[in-house]
Amino acid sequence: MDTYPIVVLSGARQVGKSTLLANEKPFSELPYVTMDDFDALERAQTDPASLWAGEKAVVLDEVQKAPGVLDAIKSAVDRDHSMRFALSGSANLLLM
């Protein structure tokens, strides 16, 4: 996570992406936000930067549910090159 500003973990449903991010270092040491949480999903849609406010790194799980958050992530990394994101989702995030 120290080298790359954005790490993307994508793959089929139910293969362990969320489990890996929640339980394996270095990801398990970061704040974890999942779009399966309705409050987080709403924040992702209305004020995405609030999901990582005050943090230098964060895990965002199930980001395919809030594709608009990807623009906010790009903007955050463009503004602050020390920001780090780990993203996961079951859709092809690179095409989003």
C-alpha atoms as a PDB file:
ATOM      1  CA  MET A   1       0.000   0.000   0.000  1.00  0.00           C
ATOM      2  CA  ASP A   2       2.931   2.353   0.492  1.00  0.00           C
ATOM      3  CA  THR A   3       3.881   2.414  -3.179  1.00  0.00           C
ATOM      4  CA  TYR A   4       0.636   2.662  -5.106  1.00  0.00           C
ATOM      5  CA  PRO A   5      -2.040   5.271  -4.415  1.00  0.00           C
ATOM      6  CA  ILE A   6      -4.875   2.989  -5.518  1.00  0.00           C
ATOM      7  CA  VAL A   7      -5.006  -0.797  -5.247  1.00  0.00           C
ATOM      8  CA  VAL A   8      -7.964  -2.542  -6.887  1.00  0.00           C
ATOM      9  CA  LEU A   9      -9.098  -6.026  -5.923  1.00  0.00           C
ATOM     10  CA  SER A  10     -11.844  -7.235  -8.207  1.00  0.00           C
ATOM     11  CA  GLY A  11     -13.262 -10.607  -8.950  1.00  0.00           C
ATOM     12  CA  ALA A  12     -16.298 -12.823  -8.890  1.00  0.00           C
ATOM     13  CA  ARG A  13     -18.793 -12.656  -6.061  1.00  0.00           C
ATOM     14  CA  GLN A  14     -18.191 -14.676  -2.907  1.00  0.00           C
ATOM     15  CA  VAL A  15     -14.507 -15.476  -3.479  1.00  0.00           C
ATOM     16  CA  GLY A  16     -13.106 -13.769  -0.374  1.00  0.00           C
ATOM     17  CA  LYS A  17     -12.206 -10.219  -1.460  1.00  0.00           C
ATOM     18  CA  SER A  18     -13.869  -8.587   1.545  1.00  0.00           C
ATOM     19  CA  THR A  19     -12.489 -11.207   3.919  1.00  0.00           C
ATOM     20  CA  LEU A  20      -8.965 -10.643   2.661  1.00  0.00           C
ATOM     21  CA  LEU A  21      -9.230  -6.861   3.020  1.00  0.00           C
ATOM     22  CA  ALA A  22     -10.711  -7.078   6.502  1.00  0.00           C
ATOM     23  CA  ASN A  23      -8.256  -9.654   7.847  1.00  0.00           C
ATOM     24  CA  GLU A  24      -4.881  -9.448   6.083  1.00  0.00           C
ATOM     25  CA  LYS A  25      -2.136  -6.866   6.549  1.00  0.00           C
ATOM     26  CA  PRO A  26      -1.624  -4.164   5.455  1.00  0.00           C
ATOM     27  CA  PHE A  27      -5.318  -3.759   4.610  1.00  0.00           C
ATOM     28  CA  SER A  28      -6.626  -4.927   7.980  1.00  0.00           C
ATOM     29  CA  GLU A  29      -4.770  -2.019   9.612  1.00  0.00           C
ATOM     30  CA  LEU A  30      -6.750   0.571   7.611  1.00  0.00           C
ATOM     31  CA  PRO A  31     -10.203   2.032   8.201  1.00  0.00           C
ATOM     32  CA  TYR A  32     -12.718  -0.214   6.422  1.00  0.00           C
ATOM     33  CA  VAL A  33     -15.860   1.139   4.754  1.00  0.00           C
ATOM     34  CA  THR A  34     -18.291  -1.084   2.888  1.00  0.00           C
ATOM     35  CA  MET A  35     -21.004   0.085   0.534  1.00  0.00           C
ATOM     36  CA  ASP A  36     -23.106  -2.763   1.930  1.00  0.00           C
ATOM     37  CA  ASP A  37     -23.692  -0.347   4.835  1.00  0.00           C
ATOM     38  CA  PHE A  38     -26.610   1.896   3.829  1.00  0.00           C
ATOM     39  CA  ASP A  39     -25.200   4.930   5.660  1.00  0.00           C
ATOM     40  CA  ALA A  40     -21.828   4.553   3.926  1.00  0.00           C
ATOM     41  CA  LEU A  41     -23.546   4.094   0.561  1.00  0.00           C
ATOM     42  CA  GLU A  42     -25.569   7.274   1.081  1.00  0.00           C
ATOM     43  CA  ARG A  43     -22.430   9.195   2.060  1.00  0.00           C
ATOM     44  CA  ALA A  44     -20.635   7.810  -1.002  1.00  0.00           C
ATOM     45  CA  GLN A  45     -23.412   9.199  -3.183  1.00  0.00           C
ATOM     46  CA  THR A  46     -23.781  12.590  -1.504  1.00  0.00           C
ATOM     47  CA  ASP A  47     -20.384  13.411   0.042  1.00  0.00           C
ATOM     48  CA  PRO A  48     -17.844  10.744  -0.919  1.00  0.00           C
ATOM     49  CA  ALA A  49     -14.851  12.528   0.628  1.00  0.00           C
ATOM     50  CA  SER A  50     -16.495  12.132   4.043  1.00  0.00           C
ATOM     51  CA  LEU A  51     -15.712   8.404   3.814  1.00  0.00           C
ATOM     52  CA  TRP A  52     -11.995   9.094   4.216  1.00  0.00           C
ATOM     53  CA  ALA A  53     -12.010  12.479   5.955  1.00  0.00           C
ATOM     54  CA  GLY A  54      -9.019  12.734   8.284  1.00  0.00           C
ATOM     55  CA  GLU A  55      -7.426   9.534   6.971  1.00  0.00           C
ATOM     56  CA  LYS A  56      -4.424   8.999   4.710  1.00  0.00           C
ATOM     57  CA  ALA A  57      -5.511   5.496   3.675  1.00  0.00           C
ATOM     58  CA  VAL A  58      -8.805   3.624   3.584  1.00  0.00           C
ATOM     59  CA  VAL A  59     -10.356   0.391   2.312  1.00  0.00           C
ATOM     60  CA  LEU A  60     -13.560   0.887   0.324  1.00  0.00           C
ATOM     61  CA  ASP A  61     -15.412  -2.373  -0.240  1.00  0.00           C
ATOM     62  CA  GLU A  62     -18.167  -3.011  -2.803  1.00  0.00           C
ATOM     63  CA  VAL A  63     -17.439   0.242  -4.654  1.00  0.00           C
ATOM     64  CA  GLN A  64     -19.374  -0.921  -7.706  1.00  0.00           C
ATOM     65  CA  LYS A  65     -22.487   0.073  -5.720  1.00  0.00           C
ATOM     66  CA  ALA A  66     -21.367   3.725  -5.784  1.00  0.00           C
ATOM     67  CA  PRO A  67     -19.497   4.268  -9.067  1.00  0.00           C
ATOM     68  CA  GLY A  68     -19.532   8.041  -8.565  1.00  0.00           C
ATOM     69  CA  VAL A  69     -17.092   7.621  -5.690  1.00  0.00           C
ATOM     70  CA  LEU A  70     -14.353   6.765  -8.208  1.00  0.00           C
ATOM     71  CA  ASP A  71     -14.209  10.360  -9.458  1.00  0.00           C
ATOM     72  CA  ALA A  72     -13.874  11.589  -5.865  1.00  0.00           C
ATOM     73  CA  ILE A  73     -11.040   9.099  -5.248  1.00  0.00           C
ATOM     74  CA  LYS A  74      -9.203  10.280  -8.365  1.00  0.00           C
ATOM     75  CA  SER A  75      -9.620  13.877  -7.256  1.00  0.00           C
ATOM     76  CA  ALA A  76      -8.367  13.072  -3.732  1.00  0.00           C
ATOM     77  CA  VAL A  77      -5.233  11.351  -5.068  1.00  0.00           C
ATOM     78  CA  ASP A  78      -4.604  14.145  -7.573  1.00  0.00           C
ATOM     79  CA  ARG A  79      -4.772  16.723  -4.753  1.00  0.00           C
ATOM     80  CA  ASP A  80      -2.823  14.735  -2.166  1.00  0.00           C
ATOM     81  CA  HIS A  81      -0.288  12.254  -3.504  1.00  0.00           C
ATOM     82  CA  SER A  82       0.077  10.653  -0.067  1.00  0.00           C
ATOM     83  CA  MET A  83      -3.542   9.371  -0.097  1.00  0.00           C
ATOM     84  CA  ARG A  84      -3.947   5.593  -0.420  1.00  0.00           C
ATOM     85  CA  PHE A  85      -7.051   3.608  -1.339  1.00  0.00           C
ATOM     86  CA  ALA A  86      -7.749  -0.107  -1.492  1.00  0.00           C
ATOM     87  CA  LEU A  87     -10.888  -0.741  -3.529  1.00  0.00           C
ATOM     88  CA  SER A  88     -12.819  -3.926  -3.999  1.00  0.00           C
ATOM     89  CA  GLY A  89     -15.841  -4.909  -5.967  1.00  0.00           C
ATOM     90  CA  SER A  90     -17.389  -7.665  -8.003  1.00  0.00           C
ATOM     91  CA  ALA A  91     -17.723  -5.591 -11.177  1.00  0.00           C
ATOM     92  CA  ASN A  92     -14.808  -4.726 -13.437  1.00  0.00           C
ATOM     93  CA  LEU A  93     -13.816  -1.508 -11.666  1.00  0.00           C
ATOM     94  CA  LEU A  94     -11.334  -0.496 -14.324  1.00  0.00           C
ATOM     95  CA  LEU A  95     -14.155  -0.179 -16.842  1.00  0.00           C
ATOM     96  CA  MET A  96     -16.189   1.993 -14.483  1.00  0.00           C
END
